[in-house]
Amino acid sequence: MLANTQIGLEEYLALELSDRPEPDYVNGEVVERPLPTPIHSRIQALSCLLFAKLRPEANLDLSPELRVQIEPRLFRVIDFAVYRGSRPQGRYATEPADEAFKEL
């Protein structure tokens, strides 16, 4: 259990959790995300399908379950992000998405 655990940024970025959703990171604290529900999964899948139809014309990049650095010590895992143009490069996104969906 990592909830309410204070760790350094590099330690957070090195976490490998294959048995649960990747946690958010808020000012040094690991914030666990709940396991997705069936309705959450369906909404995410339908969002992918909907935006996929617009993708070629609008030059969209679709990124489900994307880790985004919002501030130096604030990372959130976005349920579904849409970028116009090229996709984020590297271990995580540093630019805000044009559209983003996150269950809170």
PDB file of N, CA and C in Angstrom:
ATOM      1  N   MET A   1       0.850  -1.185   0.000  1.00  0.00           N
ATOM      2  CA  MET A   1       0.000   0.000   0.000  1.00  0.00           C
ATOM      3  C   MET A   1       0.884   1.232   0.000  1.00  0.00           C
ATOM      4  N   LEU A   2       0.674   2.101  -0.984  1.00  0.00           N
ATOM      5  CA  LEU A   2       1.478   3.304  -1.106  1.00  0.00           C
ATOM      6  C   LEU A   2       0.739   4.571  -0.700  1.00  0.00           C
ATOM      7  N   ALA A   3      -0.539   4.479  -0.416  1.00  0.00           N
ATOM      8  CA  ALA A   3      -1.328   5.671  -0.101  1.00  0.00           C
ATOM      9  C   ALA A   3      -0.698   6.447   1.038  1.00  0.00           C
ATOM     10  N   ASN A   4      -0.716   7.762   0.887  1.00  0.00           N
ATOM     11  CA  ASN A   4      -0.174   8.677   1.888  1.00  0.00           C
ATOM     12  C   ASN A   4       1.300   8.450   2.163  1.00  0.00           C
ATOM     13  N   THR A   5       2.022   7.908   1.208  1.00  0.00           N
ATOM     14  CA  THR A   5       3.449   7.670   1.360  1.00  0.00           C
ATOM     15  C   THR A   5       4.212   8.836   0.758  1.00  0.00           C
ATOM     16  N   GLN A   6       5.126   9.392   1.519  1.00  0.00           N
ATOM     17  CA  GLN A   6       5.992  10.460   1.043  1.00  0.00           C
ATOM     18  C   GLN A   6       7.236   9.833   0.414  1.00  0.00           C
ATOM     19  N   ILE A   7       7.472  10.137  -0.862  1.00  0.00           N
ATOM     20  CA  ILE A   7       8.680   9.657  -1.537  1.00  0.00           C
ATOM     21  C   ILE A   7       9.201  10.757  -2.445  1.00  0.00           C
ATOM     22  N   GLY A   8      10.437  10.611  -2.870  1.00  0.00           N
ATOM     23  CA  GLY A   8      11.032  11.579  -3.774  1.00  0.00           C
ATOM     24  C   GLY A   8      10.516  11.410  -5.196  1.00  0.00           C
ATOM     25  N   LEU A   9      10.711  12.437  -6.000  1.00  0.00           N
ATOM     26  CA  LEU A   9      10.227  12.429  -7.368  1.00  0.00           C
ATOM     27  C   LEU A   9      10.827  11.300  -8.190  1.00  0.00           C
ATOM     28  N   GLU A  10      12.128  11.103  -8.124  1.00  0.00           N
ATOM     29  CA  GLU A  10      12.768  10.035  -8.906  1.00  0.00           C
ATOM     30  C   GLU A  10      12.268   8.654  -8.472  1.00  0.00           C
ATOM     31  N   GLU A  11      12.009   8.500  -7.187  1.00  0.00           N
ATOM     32  CA  GLU A  11      11.471   7.230  -6.696  1.00  0.00           C
ATOM     33  C   GLU A  11      10.062   6.991  -7.257  1.00  0.00           C
ATOM     34  N   TYR A  12       9.253   8.050  -7.298  1.00  0.00           N
ATOM     35  CA  TYR A  12       7.921   7.933  -7.890  1.00  0.00           C
ATOM     36  C   TYR A  12       8.017   7.540  -9.360  1.00  0.00           C
ATOM     37  N   LEU A  13       8.875   8.219 -10.104  1.00  0.00           N
ATOM     38  CA  LEU A  13       8.997   7.945 -11.537  1.00  0.00           C
ATOM     39  C   LEU A  13       9.525   6.543 -11.810  1.00  0.00           C
ATOM     40  N   ALA A  14      10.207   5.939 -10.837  1.00  0.00           N
ATOM     41  CA  ALA A  14      10.751   4.591 -11.003  1.00  0.00           C
ATOM     42  C   ALA A  14       9.780   3.497 -10.563  1.00  0.00           C
ATOM     43  N   LEU A  15       8.644   3.872  -9.973  1.00  0.00           N
ATOM     44  CA  LEU A  15       7.682   2.866  -9.506  1.00  0.00           C
ATOM     45  C   LEU A  15       7.215   1.988 -10.655  1.00  0.00           C
ATOM     46  N   GLU A  16       7.130   0.698 -10.401  1.00  0.00           N
ATOM     47  CA  GLU A  16       6.572  -0.242 -11.370  1.00  0.00           C
ATOM     48  C   GLU A  16       5.509  -1.050 -10.651  1.00  0.00           C
ATOM     49  N   LEU A  17       4.271  -0.760 -10.979  1.00  0.00           N
ATOM     50  CA  LEU A  17       3.132  -1.384 -10.300  1.00  0.00           C
ATOM     51  C   LEU A  17       2.277  -2.102 -11.333  1.00  0.00           C
ATOM     52  N   SER A  18       2.524  -3.346 -11.533  1.00  0.00           N
ATOM     53  CA  SER A  18       1.758  -4.082 -12.540  1.00  0.00           C
ATOM     54  C   SER A  18       0.422  -4.582 -11.998  1.00  0.00           C
ATOM     55  N   ASP A  19       0.236  -4.541 -10.693  1.00  0.00           N
ATOM     56  CA  ASP A  19      -0.978  -5.114 -10.109  1.00  0.00           C
ATOM     57  C   ASP A  19      -2.037  -4.079  -9.729  1.00  0.00           C
ATOM     58  N   ARG A  20      -1.806  -2.794 -10.020  1.00  0.00           N
ATOM     59  CA  ARG A  20      -2.783  -1.754  -9.693  1.00  0.00           C
ATOM     60  C   ARG A  20      -2.543  -0.526 -10.579  1.00  0.00           C
ATOM     61  N   PRO A  21      -3.522   0.380 -10.636  1.00  0.00           N
ATOM     62  CA  PRO A  21      -3.351   1.573 -11.465  1.00  0.00           C
ATOM     63  C   PRO A  21      -2.173   2.421 -10.984  1.00  0.00           C
ATOM     64  N   GLU A  22      -1.521   3.045 -11.932  1.00  0.00           N
ATOM     65  CA  GLU A  22      -0.412   3.931 -11.589  1.00  0.00           C
ATOM     66  C   GLU A  22      -0.935   5.069 -10.716  1.00  0.00           C
ATOM     67  N   PRO A  23      -0.252   5.389  -9.623  1.00  0.00           N
ATOM     68  CA  PRO A  23      -0.751   6.446  -8.734  1.00  0.00           C
ATOM     69  C   PRO A  23      -0.405   7.837  -9.244  1.00  0.00           C
ATOM     70  N   ASP A  24      -1.119   8.825  -8.739  1.00  0.00           N
ATOM     71  CA  ASP A  24      -0.767  10.222  -8.956  1.00  0.00           C
ATOM     72  C   ASP A  24       0.341  10.565  -7.966  1.00  0.00           C
ATOM     73  N   TYR A  25       0.953  11.725  -8.143  1.00  0.00           N
ATOM     74  CA  TYR A  25       2.019  12.195  -7.249  1.00  0.00           C
ATOM     75  C   TYR A  25       1.745  13.661  -6.962  1.00  0.00           C
ATOM     76  N   VAL A  26       1.470  13.987  -5.696  1.00  0.00           N
ATOM     77  CA  VAL A  26       1.074  15.336  -5.323  1.00  0.00           C
ATOM     78  C   VAL A  26       1.989  15.834  -4.213  1.00  0.00           C
ATOM     79  N   ASN A  27       2.900  16.736  -4.575  1.00  0.00           N
ATOM     80  CA  ASN A  27       3.811  17.365  -3.613  1.00  0.00           C
ATOM     81  C   ASN A  27       4.521  16.356  -2.717  1.00  0.00           C
ATOM     82  N   GLY A  28       5.064  15.314  -3.333  1.00  0.00           N
ATOM     83  CA  GLY A  28       5.827  14.314  -2.591  1.00  0.00           C
ATOM     84  C   GLY A  28       5.006  13.160  -2.052  1.00  0.00           C
ATOM     85  N   GLU A  29       3.694  13.223  -2.186  1.00  0.00           N
ATOM     86  CA  GLU A  29       2.833  12.158  -1.672  1.00  0.00           C
ATOM     87  C   GLU A  29       2.278  11.317  -2.815  1.00  0.00           C
ATOM     88  N   VAL A  30       2.375  10.011  -2.666  1.00  0.00           N
ATOM     89  CA  VAL A  30       1.783   9.089  -3.626  1.00  0.00           C
ATOM     90  C   VAL A  30       0.290   9.009  -3.334  1.00  0.00           C
ATOM     91  N   VAL A  31      -0.516   9.271  -4.351  1.00  0.00           N
ATOM     92  CA  VAL A  31      -1.971   9.261  -4.193  1.00  0.00           C
ATOM     93  C   VAL A  31      -2.513   8.142  -5.080  1.00  0.00           C
ATOM     94  N   GLU A  32      -2.955   7.063  -4.441  1.00  0.00           N
ATOM     95  CA  GLU A  32      -3.455   5.923  -5.198  1.00  0.00           C
ATOM     96  C   GLU A  32      -4.772   6.264  -5.873  1.00  0.00           C
ATOM     97  N   ARG A  33      -4.949   5.683  -7.058  1.00  0.00           N
ATOM     98  CA  ARG A  33      -6.190   5.843  -7.812  1.00  0.00           C
ATOM     99  C   ARG A  33      -7.006   4.574  -7.647  1.00  0.00           C
ATOM    100  N   PRO A  34      -8.332   4.693  -7.640  1.00  0.00           N
ATOM    101  CA  PRO A  34      -9.159   3.488  -7.495  1.00  0.00           C
ATOM    102  C   PRO A  34      -9.078   2.619  -8.750  1.00  0.00           C
ATOM    103  N   LEU A  35      -9.371   1.340  -8.579  1.00  0.00           N
ATOM    104  CA  LEU A  35      -9.477   0.459  -9.738  1.00  0.00           C
ATOM    105  C   LEU A  35     -10.648   0.923 -10.589  1.00  0.00           C
ATOM    106  N   PRO A  36     -10.495   0.892 -11.909  1.00  0.00           N
ATOM    107  CA  PRO A  36     -11.590   1.338 -12.773  1.00  0.00           C
ATOM    108  C   PRO A  36     -12.829   0.459 -12.619  1.00  0.00           C
ATOM    109  N   THR A  37     -13.973   1.085 -12.722  1.00  0.00           N
ATOM    110  CA  THR A  37     -15.245   0.368 -12.689  1.00  0.00           C
ATOM    111  C   THR A  37     -15.651   0.030 -14.124  1.00  0.00           C
ATOM    112  N   PRO A  38     -16.606  -0.862 -14.305  1.00  0.00           N
ATOM    113  CA  PRO A  38     -17.060  -1.167 -15.672  1.00  0.00           C
ATOM    114  C   PRO A  38     -17.540   0.075 -16.439  1.00  0.00           C
ATOM    115  N   ILE A  39     -18.267   0.975 -15.786  1.00  0.00           N
ATOM    116  CA  ILE A  39     -18.754   2.168 -16.485  1.00  0.00           C
ATOM    117  C   ILE A  39     -17.580   3.069 -16.867  1.00  0.00           C
ATOM    118  N   HIS A  40     -16.594   3.172 -16.008  1.00  0.00           N
ATOM    119  CA  HIS A  40     -15.390   3.957 -16.311  1.00  0.00           C
ATOM    120  C   HIS A  40     -14.706   3.398 -17.554  1.00  0.00           C
ATOM    121  N   SER A  41     -14.555   2.092 -17.622  1.00  0.00           N
ATOM    122  CA  SER A  41     -13.915   1.454 -18.775  1.00  0.00           C
ATOM    123  C   SER A  41     -14.707   1.691 -20.055  1.00  0.00           C
ATOM    124  N   ARG A  42     -16.031   1.608 -19.962  1.00  0.00           N
ATOM    125  CA  ARG A  42     -16.861   1.825 -21.149  1.00  0.00           C
ATOM    126  C   ARG A  42     -16.757   3.268 -21.647  1.00  0.00           C
ATOM    127  N   ILE A  43     -16.765   4.216 -20.716  1.00  0.00           N
ATOM    128  CA  ILE A  43     -16.641   5.628 -21.102  1.00  0.00           C
ATOM    129  C   ILE A  43     -15.294   5.874 -21.765  1.00  0.00           C
ATOM    130  N   GLN A  44     -14.255   5.296 -21.216  1.00  0.00           N
ATOM    131  CA  GLN A  44     -12.923   5.463 -21.797  1.00  0.00           C
ATOM    132  C   GLN A  44     -12.869   4.843 -23.198  1.00  0.00           C
ATOM    133  N   ALA A  45     -13.420   3.653 -23.366  1.00  0.00           N
ATOM    134  CA  ALA A  45     -13.433   2.992 -24.677  1.00  0.00           C
ATOM    135  C   ALA A  45     -14.256   3.787 -25.683  1.00  0.00           C
ATOM    136  N   LEU A  46     -15.417   4.261 -25.281  1.00  0.00           N
ATOM    137  CA  LEU A  46     -16.260   5.046 -26.190  1.00  0.00           C
ATOM    138  C   LEU A  46     -15.604   6.373 -26.563  1.00  0.00           C
ATOM    139  N   SER A  47     -14.892   6.978 -25.623  1.00  0.00           N
ATOM    140  CA  SER A  47     -14.158   8.213 -25.925  1.00  0.00           C
ATOM    141  C   SER A  47     -13.111   7.952 -26.997  1.00  0.00           C
ATOM    142  N   CYS A  48     -12.392   6.835 -26.863  1.00  0.00           N
ATOM    143  CA  CYS A  48     -11.391   6.465 -27.876  1.00  0.00           C
ATOM    144  C   CYS A  48     -12.050   6.289 -29.238  1.00  0.00           C
ATOM    145  N   LEU A  49     -13.163   5.591 -29.280  1.00  0.00           N
ATOM    146  CA  LEU A  49     -13.849   5.348 -30.549  1.00  0.00           C
ATOM    147  C   LEU A  49     -14.365   6.649 -31.174  1.00  0.00           C
ATOM    148  N   LEU A  50     -14.936   7.503 -30.366  1.00  0.00           N
ATOM    149  CA  LEU A  50     -15.470   8.762 -30.857  1.00  0.00           C
ATOM    150  C   LEU A  50     -14.364   9.634 -31.444  1.00  0.00           C
ATOM    151  N   PHE A  51     -13.296   9.839 -30.682  1.00  0.00           N
ATOM    152  CA  PHE A  51     -12.215  10.702 -31.154  1.00  0.00           C
ATOM    153  C   PHE A  51     -11.420  10.057 -32.289  1.00  0.00           C
ATOM    154  N   ALA A  52     -11.399   8.731 -32.349  1.00  0.00           N
ATOM    155  CA  ALA A  52     -10.683   8.045 -33.431  1.00  0.00           C
ATOM    156  C   ALA A  52     -11.286   8.403 -34.783  1.00  0.00           C
ATOM    157  N   LYS A  53     -12.585   8.619 -34.836  1.00  0.00           N
ATOM    158  CA  LYS A  53     -13.237   9.005 -36.095  1.00  0.00           C
ATOM    159  C   LYS A  53     -12.773  10.389 -36.561  1.00  0.00           C
ATOM    160  N   LEU A  54     -12.441  11.257 -35.622  1.00  0.00           N
ATOM    161  CA  LEU A  54     -12.002  12.614 -35.941  1.00  0.00           C
ATOM    162  C   LEU A  54     -10.493  12.714 -36.164  1.00  0.00           C
ATOM    163  N   ARG A  55      -9.791  11.680 -35.757  1.00  0.00           N
ATOM    164  CA  ARG A  55      -8.323  11.698 -35.721  1.00  0.00           C
ATOM    165  C   ARG A  55      -7.648  12.082 -37.037  1.00  0.00           C
ATOM    166  N   PRO A  56      -7.958  11.440 -38.167  1.00  0.00           N
ATOM    167  CA  PRO A  56      -7.228  11.762 -39.396  1.00  0.00           C
ATOM    168  C   PRO A  56      -7.421  13.215 -39.859  1.00  0.00           C
ATOM    169  N   GLU A  57      -8.661  13.666 -39.881  1.00  0.00           N
ATOM    170  CA  GLU A  57      -8.948  15.026 -40.355  1.00  0.00           C
ATOM    171  C   GLU A  57      -8.378  16.094 -39.443  1.00  0.00           C
ATOM    172  N   ALA A  58      -8.494  15.884 -38.155  1.00  0.00           N
ATOM    173  CA  ALA A  58      -8.090  16.901 -37.188  1.00  0.00           C
ATOM    174  C   ALA A  58      -6.656  16.725 -36.688  1.00  0.00           C
ATOM    175  N   ASN A  59      -5.948  15.698 -37.188  1.00  0.00           N
ATOM    176  CA  ASN A  59      -4.572  15.421 -36.767  1.00  0.00           C
ATOM    177  C   ASN A  59      -4.479  15.293 -35.239  1.00  0.00           C
ATOM    178  N   LEU A  60      -5.275  14.381 -34.706  1.00  0.00           N
ATOM    179  CA  LEU A  60      -5.335  14.180 -33.257  1.00  0.00           C
ATOM    180  C   LEU A  60      -4.464  13.009 -32.835  1.00  0.00           C
ATOM    181  N   ASP A  61      -3.893  13.123 -31.655  1.00  0.00           N
ATOM    182  CA  ASP A  61      -3.232  11.998 -31.011  1.00  0.00           C
ATOM    183  C   ASP A  61      -4.040  11.658 -29.768  1.00  0.00           C
ATOM    184  N   LEU A  62      -4.407  10.385 -29.623  1.00  0.00           N
ATOM    185  CA  LEU A  62      -5.238   9.942 -28.512  1.00  0.00           C
ATOM    186  C   LEU A  62      -4.380   9.161 -27.529  1.00  0.00           C
ATOM    187  N   SER A  63      -4.450   9.519 -26.264  1.00  0.00           N
ATOM    188  CA  SER A  63      -3.600   8.892 -25.255  1.00  0.00           C
ATOM    189  C   SER A  63      -4.396   8.517 -24.013  1.00  0.00           C
ATOM    190  N   PRO A  64      -4.865   7.266 -23.909  1.00  0.00           N
ATOM    191  CA  PRO A  64      -5.495   6.826 -22.664  1.00  0.00           C
ATOM    192  C   PRO A  64      -4.433   6.528 -21.609  1.00  0.00           C
ATOM    193  N   GLU A  65      -4.787   6.740 -20.350  1.00  0.00           N
ATOM    194  CA  GLU A  65      -3.907   6.435 -19.215  1.00  0.00           C
ATOM    195  C   GLU A  65      -2.535   7.083 -19.360  1.00  0.00           C
ATOM    196  N   LEU A  66      -2.526   8.402 -19.503  1.00  0.00           N
ATOM    197  CA  LEU A  66      -1.292   9.150 -19.728  1.00  0.00           C
ATOM    198  C   LEU A  66      -0.857   9.881 -18.465  1.00  0.00           C
ATOM    199  N   ARG A  67       0.392   9.674 -18.064  1.00  0.00           N
ATOM    200  CA  ARG A  67       0.952  10.408 -16.915  1.00  0.00           C
ATOM    201  C   ARG A  67       1.398  11.786 -17.411  1.00  0.00           C
ATOM    202  N   VAL A  68       0.923  12.846 -16.726  1.00  0.00           N
ATOM    203  CA  VAL A  68       1.208  14.214 -17.128  1.00  0.00           C
ATOM    204  C   VAL A  68       1.799  14.976 -15.945  1.00  0.00           C
ATOM    205  N   GLN A  69       2.912  15.660 -16.204  1.00  0.00           N
ATOM    206  CA  GLN A  69       3.496  16.524 -15.182  1.00  0.00           C
ATOM    207  C   GLN A  69       2.836  17.889 -15.310  1.00  0.00           C
ATOM    208  N   ILE A  70       2.119  18.293 -14.262  1.00  0.00           N
ATOM    209  CA  ILE A  70       1.376  19.554 -14.276  1.00  0.00           C
ATOM    210  C   ILE A  70       2.207  20.676 -13.664  1.00  0.00           C
ATOM    211  N   GLU A  71       2.918  20.348 -12.604  1.00  0.00           N
ATOM    212  CA  GLU A  71       3.854  21.247 -11.933  1.00  0.00           C
ATOM    213  C   GLU A  71       5.076  20.411 -11.573  1.00  0.00           C
ATOM    214  N   PRO A  72       6.163  21.027 -11.103  1.00  0.00           N
ATOM    215  CA  PRO A  72       7.371  20.236 -10.812  1.00  0.00           C
ATOM    216  C   PRO A  72       7.138  19.038  -9.888  1.00  0.00           C
ATOM    217  N   ARG A  73       6.240  19.159  -8.908  1.00  0.00           N
ATOM    218  CA  ARG A  73       5.993  18.050  -7.986  1.00  0.00           C
ATOM    219  C   ARG A  73       4.531  17.610  -8.004  1.00  0.00           C
ATOM    220  N   LEU A  74       3.904  17.732  -9.188  1.00  0.00           N
ATOM    221  CA  LEU A  74       2.508  17.331  -9.344  1.00  0.00           C
ATOM    222  C   LEU A  74       2.349  16.560 -10.656  1.00  0.00           C
ATOM    223  N   PHE A  75       2.048  15.272 -10.519  1.00  0.00           N
ATOM    224  CA  PHE A  75       1.798  14.395 -11.657  1.00  0.00           C
ATOM    225  C   PHE A  75       0.415  13.796 -11.490  1.00  0.00           C
ATOM    226  N   ARG A  76      -0.346  13.787 -12.576  1.00  0.00           N
ATOM    227  CA  ARG A  76      -1.644  13.129 -12.577  1.00  0.00           C
ATOM    228  C   ARG A  76      -1.665  12.135 -13.733  1.00  0.00           C
ATOM    229  N   VAL A  77      -2.361  11.035 -13.533  1.00  0.00           N
ATOM    230  CA  VAL A  77      -2.566  10.079 -14.617  1.00  0.00           C
ATOM    231  C   VAL A  77      -3.940  10.385 -15.192  1.00  0.00           C
ATOM    232  N   ILE A  78      -3.933  10.864 -16.425  1.00  0.00           N
ATOM    233  CA  ILE A  78      -5.154  11.285 -17.095  1.00  0.00           C
ATOM    234  C   ILE A  78      -5.818  10.058 -17.711  1.00  0.00           C
ATOM    235  N   ASP A  79      -7.117   9.907 -17.514  1.00  0.00           N
ATOM    236  CA  ASP A  79      -7.839   8.760 -18.074  1.00  0.00           C
ATOM    237  C   ASP A  79      -7.793   8.752 -19.595  1.00  0.00           C
ATOM    238  N   PHE A  80      -7.925   9.936 -20.192  1.00  0.00           N
ATOM    239  CA  PHE A  80      -7.938  10.012 -21.650  1.00  0.00           C
ATOM    240  C   PHE A  80      -7.546  11.427 -22.052  1.00  0.00           C
ATOM    241  N   ALA A  81      -6.489  11.548 -22.850  1.00  0.00           N
ATOM    242  CA  ALA A  81      -6.007  12.851 -23.300  1.00  0.00           C
ATOM    243  C   ALA A  81      -6.026  12.914 -24.819  1.00  0.00           C
ATOM    244  N   VAL A  82      -6.333  14.096 -25.328  1.00  0.00           N
ATOM    245  CA  VAL A  82      -6.347  14.336 -26.773  1.00  0.00           C
ATOM    246  C   VAL A  82      -5.392  15.486 -27.058  1.00  0.00           C
ATOM    247  N   TYR A  83      -4.441  15.241 -27.956  1.00  0.00           N
ATOM    248  CA  TYR A  83      -3.495  16.260 -28.396  1.00  0.00           C
ATOM    249  C   TYR A  83      -3.720  16.530 -29.872  1.00  0.00           C
ATOM    250  N   ARG A  84      -3.666  17.784 -30.255  1.00  0.00           N
ATOM    251  CA  ARG A  84      -3.666  18.130 -31.680  1.00  0.00           C
ATOM    252  C   ARG A  84      -2.211  18.113 -32.125  1.00  0.00           C
ATOM    253  N   GLY A  85      -1.940  17.375 -33.176  1.00  0.00           N
ATOM    254  CA  GLY A  85      -0.563  17.294 -33.654  1.00  0.00           C
ATOM    255  C   GLY A  85       0.129  16.073 -33.095  1.00  0.00           C
ATOM    256  N   SER A  86       1.386  16.226 -32.736  1.00  0.00           N
ATOM    257  CA  SER A  86       2.181  15.069 -32.331  1.00  0.00           C
ATOM    258  C   SER A  86       1.956  14.695 -30.874  1.00  0.00           C
ATOM    259  N   ARG A  87       2.227  13.435 -30.601  1.00  0.00           N
ATOM    260  CA  ARG A  87       2.031  12.889 -29.261  1.00  0.00           C
ATOM    261  C   ARG A  87       3.185  13.292 -28.345  1.00  0.00           C
ATOM    262  N   PRO A  88       2.948  13.334 -27.048  1.00  0.00           N
ATOM    263  CA  PRO A  88       4.021  13.631 -26.095  1.00  0.00           C
ATOM    264  C   PRO A  88       5.142  12.591 -26.200  1.00  0.00           C
ATOM    265  N   GLN A  89       6.357  13.048 -26.004  1.00  0.00           N
ATOM    266  CA  GLN A  89       7.524  12.178 -26.062  1.00  0.00           C
ATOM    267  C   GLN A  89       8.094  12.006 -24.657  1.00  0.00           C
ATOM    268  N   GLY A  90       8.849  10.937 -24.458  1.00  0.00           N
ATOM    269  CA  GLY A  90       9.502  10.726 -23.175  1.00  0.00           C
ATOM    270  C   GLY A  90       8.693   9.853 -22.240  1.00  0.00           C
ATOM    271  N   ARG A  91       9.086   9.859 -20.977  1.00  0.00           N
ATOM    272  CA  ARG A  91       8.463   8.994 -19.969  1.00  0.00           C
ATOM    273  C   ARG A  91       7.096   9.490 -19.528  1.00  0.00           C
ATOM    274  N   TYR A  92       6.822  10.772 -19.726  1.00  0.00           N
ATOM    275  CA  TYR A  92       5.548  11.365 -19.333  1.00  0.00           C
ATOM    276  C   TYR A  92       5.356  12.656 -20.121  1.00  0.00           C
ATOM    277  N   ALA A  93       4.126  13.114 -20.193  1.00  0.00           N
ATOM    278  CA  ALA A  93       3.820  14.356 -20.900  1.00  0.00           C
ATOM    279  C   ALA A  93       4.140  15.546 -20.006  1.00  0.00           C
ATOM    280  N   THR A  94       4.626  16.592 -20.617  1.00  0.00           N
ATOM    281  CA  THR A  94       4.890  17.831 -19.884  1.00  0.00           C
ATOM    282  C   THR A  94       4.049  18.986 -20.410  1.00  0.00           C
ATOM    283  N   GLU A  95       3.419  18.783 -21.561  1.00  0.00           N
ATOM    284  CA  GLU A  95       2.543  19.795 -22.146  1.00  0.00           C
ATOM    285  C   GLU A  95       1.096  19.428 -21.837  1.00  0.00           C
ATOM    286  N   PRO A  96       0.254  20.417 -21.560  1.00  0.00           N
ATOM    287  CA  PRO A  96      -1.156  20.097 -21.310  1.00  0.00           C
ATOM    288  C   PRO A  96      -1.825  19.577 -22.580  1.00  0.00           C
ATOM    289  N   ALA A  97      -2.764  18.684 -22.409  1.00  0.00           N
ATOM    290  CA  ALA A  97      -3.536  18.156 -23.524  1.00  0.00           C
ATOM    291  C   ALA A  97      -4.531  19.213 -23.989  1.00  0.00           C
ATOM    292  N   ASP A  98      -4.963  19.084 -25.238  1.00  0.00           N
ATOM    293  CA  ASP A  98      -6.012  19.966 -25.739  1.00  0.00           C
ATOM    294  C   ASP A  98      -7.357  19.625 -25.091  1.00  0.00           C
ATOM    295  N   GLU A  99      -7.564  18.334 -24.841  1.00  0.00           N
ATOM    296  CA  GLU A  99      -8.732  17.856 -24.101  1.00  0.00           C
ATOM    297  C   GLU A  99      -8.234  16.768 -23.156  1.00  0.00           C
ATOM    298  N   ALA A 100      -8.754  16.752 -21.951  1.00  0.00           N
ATOM    299  CA  ALA A 100      -8.348  15.724 -20.983  1.00  0.00           C
ATOM    300  C   ALA A 100      -9.530  15.355 -20.102  1.00  0.00           C
ATOM    301  N   PHE A 101      -9.614  14.054 -19.810  1.00  0.00           N
ATOM    302  CA  PHE A 101     -10.679  13.535 -18.959  1.00  0.00           C
ATOM    303  C   PHE A 101     -10.031  12.775 -17.811  1.00  0.00           C
ATOM    304  N   LYS A 102     -10.470  13.048 -16.593  1.00  0.00           N
ATOM    305  CA  LYS A 102      -9.944  12.359 -15.418  1.00  0.00           C
ATOM    306  C   LYS A 102     -11.063  12.171 -14.413  1.00  0.00           C
ATOM    307  N   GLU A 103     -11.232  10.928 -13.969  1.00  0.00           N
ATOM    308  CA  GLU A 103     -12.202  10.654 -12.915  1.00  0.00           C
ATOM    309  C   GLU A 103     -11.600  11.081 -11.591  1.00  0.00           C
ATOM    310  N   LEU A 104     -12.360  11.792 -10.812  1.00  0.00           N
ATOM    311  CA  LEU A 104     -11.869  12.228  -9.492  1.00  0.00           C
ATOM    312  C   LEU A 104     -12.568  11.499  -8.391  1.00  0.00           C
TER     313      LEU A 104
END
